Each structure stands twice: as C-alpha cells, then as structure tokens.
C-alpha cells in the first residue's frame, strides 16, 4: 500500500515540476519588426546567438521590402536552419519564412500567435533566405496552396 502511495505522490510531483519548467522555455517567440508581426523558432537560437538571430530577421525584412511591398498583409513564421540541405548546393545557413495571410487568421489564433492555423485552399508563401551567401539573388520565394489532409 505504501508503494502505491509513493508512486502516486512521485507522479504528481514530477508532473508539477514538468509544468513549472515547461512554462519557462517557450519555443515560439512573438516578434514585431516595424509593423510586421510573426513568431520565430528559438530552438537553435543558442547556436547563432540571440543578437545575431534578431539582426538576421531585421536584415531579411529590409531586403524583403523590394518584393511585393514587403508582404505586409502576412504574418511570419521564422526558422533558421544551420544544418546542410541534402541534394542542394551548399550556400550556408538559411532562414525559412512562411507567410500566412492576415485576413484568414482567426481572432483567437491571432491572440495566441498561432498564425499557421489557416483554412484549406489558402495561398501561403514560403521564402528561403540564404543570409551567409554572397550571391546577389539569395531569396527563393515559392507560392503554395494549403491543402487539408484527409485520411
């Protein structure tokens, strides 16, 4: 009987500890650059450094202004990849940005910064920005259609 009580109390204690520590480490962090809103993935921020990470995002937004008025009607989801791509020319580290139209993100999702919850058949843009590349055209912009997965 004492073993069961000990196991139950241990389980409750571990759940409480997990809840406390999980609240401290947010993976997706809200950011606003000028009037552009988005979230960035803080998973690999330690490998680059927070100051450089934010500088890369600012540089990206400054360069994106040349294309389609900077896509100001879109929320951003930023992710920096430090690993090498398979079957692709090595152009160094890159920033992946997914653009979600502001007009289709619900008010509840906007408040929680869940910009990726968009209806099916919504056009979203994916941008790859090679920030370490010396090539003049270091942007790749692709247009995709968000399709609902049905099993």
Protein backbone atom coordinates (compact mmCIF):
# COMPACT_ATOMS: atom_id res chain seq x y z
CA UNK A 1 0.00 0.00 0.00
CA UNK A 2 2.85 2.39 0.82
CA UNK A 3 4.43 1.69 -2.55
CA UNK A 4 1.28 2.77 -4.37
CA UNK A 5 1.03 5.99 -2.34
CA UNK A 6 4.70 6.69 -3.02
CA UNK A 7 4.23 6.12 -6.77
CA UNK A 8 1.16 8.37 -6.88
CA UNK A 9 2.89 11.16 -4.96
CA UNK A 10 6.01 10.81 -7.12
CA UNK A 11 3.93 11.04 -10.27
CA UNK A 12 2.15 14.18 -9.01
CA UNK A 13 5.47 15.76 -8.01
CA UNK A 14 7.03 15.03 -11.42
CA UNK A 15 4.01 16.48 -13.21
CA UNK A 16 4.25 19.68 -11.15
CA UNK A 17 7.99 20.02 -11.85
CA UNK A 18 7.41 19.44 -15.57
CA UNK A 19 4.67 22.10 -15.65
CA UNK A 20 6.89 24.68 -13.96
CA UNK A 21 9.90 24.13 -16.23
CA UNK A 22 7.90 23.79 -19.42
CA UNK A 23 6.41 27.26 -18.94
CA UNK A 24 9.88 28.84 -18.85
CA UNK A 25 11.02 27.56 -22.22
CA UNK A 26 8.78 28.87 -24.99
CA UNK A 27 9.81 27.50 -28.35
CA UNK A 28 7.99 30.05 -30.50
CA UNK A 29 8.54 33.67 -29.53
CA UNK A 30 6.39 36.57 -30.74
CA UNK A 31 8.25 39.34 -32.54
CA UNK A 32 7.25 42.61 -34.14
CA UNK A 33 9.61 44.28 -36.61
CA UNK A 34 8.14 47.65 -37.54
CA UNK A 35 4.52 46.83 -38.38
CA UNK A 36 5.35 43.21 -39.30
CA UNK A 37 4.23 40.55 -36.83
CA UNK A 38 5.36 36.98 -36.53
CA UNK A 39 6.93 34.28 -34.42
CA UNK A 40 10.43 32.88 -34.52
CA UNK A 41 11.61 29.44 -33.53
CA UNK A 42 14.01 29.72 -30.60
CA UNK A 43 15.10 26.07 -30.89
CA UNK A 44 18.55 26.79 -32.32
CA UNK A 45 18.99 30.36 -31.12
CA UNK A 46 21.92 29.35 -28.89
CA UNK A 47 23.97 28.16 -31.87
CA UNK A 48 23.73 31.58 -33.53
CA UNK A 49 23.19 33.94 -30.61
CA UNK A 50 20.07 35.96 -29.93
CA UNK A 51 21.53 39.28 -31.06
CA UNK A 52 22.68 37.87 -34.42
CA UNK A 53 19.38 35.98 -34.83
CA UNK A 54 17.38 39.20 -34.46
CA UNK A 55 19.82 41.04 -36.76
CA UNK A 56 19.23 38.40 -39.45
CA UNK A 57 15.46 38.87 -39.13
CA UNK A 58 15.83 42.67 -39.44
CA UNK A 59 18.08 42.31 -42.49
CA UNK A 60 15.62 39.91 -44.07
CA UNK A 61 12.69 42.28 -43.58
CA UNK A 62 14.69 45.20 -45.02
CA UNK A 63 15.54 43.17 -48.14
CA UNK A 64 12.00 41.78 -48.48
CA UNK A 65 10.62 45.32 -48.87
CA UNK A 66 11.74 45.15 -52.52
CA UNK A 67 9.29 42.31 -53.22
CA UNK A 68 5.52 42.87 -53.27
CA UNK A 69 5.70 45.79 -50.82
CA UNK A 70 7.32 43.53 -48.23
CA UNK A 71 4.27 41.25 -47.96
CA UNK A 72 2.85 43.47 -45.23
CA UNK A 73 -0.53 41.71 -45.22
CA UNK A 74 1.04 38.48 -43.97
CA UNK A 75 2.08 37.06 -40.61
CA UNK A 76 5.52 35.46 -40.46
CA UNK A 77 6.85 32.22 -39.06
CA UNK A 78 10.67 32.37 -38.98
CA UNK A 79 13.04 29.41 -38.67
CA UNK A 80 16.82 29.46 -39.10
CA UNK A 81 18.39 26.21 -40.30
CA UNK A 82 22.03 25.62 -39.51
CA UNK A 83 22.31 22.10 -40.96
CA UNK A 84 23.21 21.31 -44.56
CA UNK A 85 20.46 20.51 -47.05
CA UNK A 86 20.58 17.22 -48.89
CA UNK A 87 20.85 17.41 -52.68
CA UNK A 88 21.22 21.20 -52.65
CA UNK A 89 24.17 23.47 -53.30
CA UNK A 90 25.85 24.48 -50.07
CA UNK A 91 25.05 28.15 -49.64
CA UNK A 92 25.47 28.19 -45.88
CA UNK A 93 22.93 28.83 -43.19
CA UNK A 94 19.46 29.92 -44.24
CA UNK A 95 16.29 31.44 -42.91
CA UNK A 96 12.98 29.82 -43.75
CA UNK A 97 9.98 32.14 -43.56
CA UNK A 98 6.38 31.08 -44.06
CA UNK A 99 3.87 33.86 -44.78
CA UNK A 100 0.22 33.46 -43.74
CA UNK A 101 -2.43 35.95 -44.93
CA UNK A 102 -3.68 38.16 -42.08
CA UNK A 103 -7.23 38.17 -43.40
CA UNK A 104 -7.74 34.41 -42.88
CA UNK A 105 -6.23 34.05 -39.38
CA UNK A 106 -8.99 33.99 -36.77
CA UNK A 107 -9.06 36.46 -33.88
CA UNK A 108 -8.47 33.70 -31.31
CA UNK A 109 -5.46 32.37 -33.20
CA UNK A 110 -4.12 35.91 -33.64
CA UNK A 111 -4.22 36.49 -29.89
CA UNK A 112 -2.34 33.23 -29.26
CA UNK A 113 0.09 33.92 -32.15
CA UNK A 114 -0.97 30.71 -33.93
CA UNK A 115 -0.68 32.10 -37.42
CA UNK A 116 -0.30 28.71 -39.09
CA UNK A 117 -3.96 27.72 -38.50
CA UNK A 118 -5.40 28.82 -41.83
CA UNK A 119 -8.29 27.35 -43.81
CA UNK A 120 -7.61 24.86 -46.56
CA UNK A 121 -7.13 26.24 -50.07
CA UNK A 122 -5.36 29.31 -48.68
CA UNK A 123 -2.36 30.60 -50.59
CA UNK A 124 0.73 30.84 -48.43
CA UNK A 125 4.26 31.84 -49.36
CA UNK A 126 7.47 30.14 -48.34
CA UNK A 127 10.72 32.06 -48.56
CA UNK A 128 14.24 30.71 -48.24
CA UNK A 129 16.81 33.39 -47.50
CA UNK A 130 20.50 32.42 -47.64
CA UNK A 131 21.89 35.08 -45.31
CA UNK A 132 25.50 33.87 -45.49
CA UNK A 133 25.58 33.71 -49.28
CA UNK A 134 27.48 36.28 -51.33
CA UNK A 135 25.18 35.71 -54.30
CA UNK A 136 23.13 38.77 -55.25
CA UNK A 137 19.84 36.84 -55.53
CA UNK A 138 19.77 34.94 -52.24
CA UNK A 139 15.96 34.74 -51.99
CA UNK A 140 13.78 31.84 -53.14
CA UNK A 141 10.06 32.66 -52.95
CA UNK A 142 7.54 29.88 -53.59
CA UNK A 143 3.77 30.09 -53.60
CA UNK A 144 1.87 27.09 -52.22
CA UNK A 145 -1.71 26.17 -51.53
CA UNK A 146 -2.60 24.96 -48.04
CA UNK A 147 -4.50 21.72 -48.59
CA UNK A 148 -6.44 19.85 -45.97
CA UNK A 149 -5.13 16.35 -45.34
CA UNK A 150 -7.90 13.77 -45.43
CA UNK A 151 -7.26 10.18 -44.43
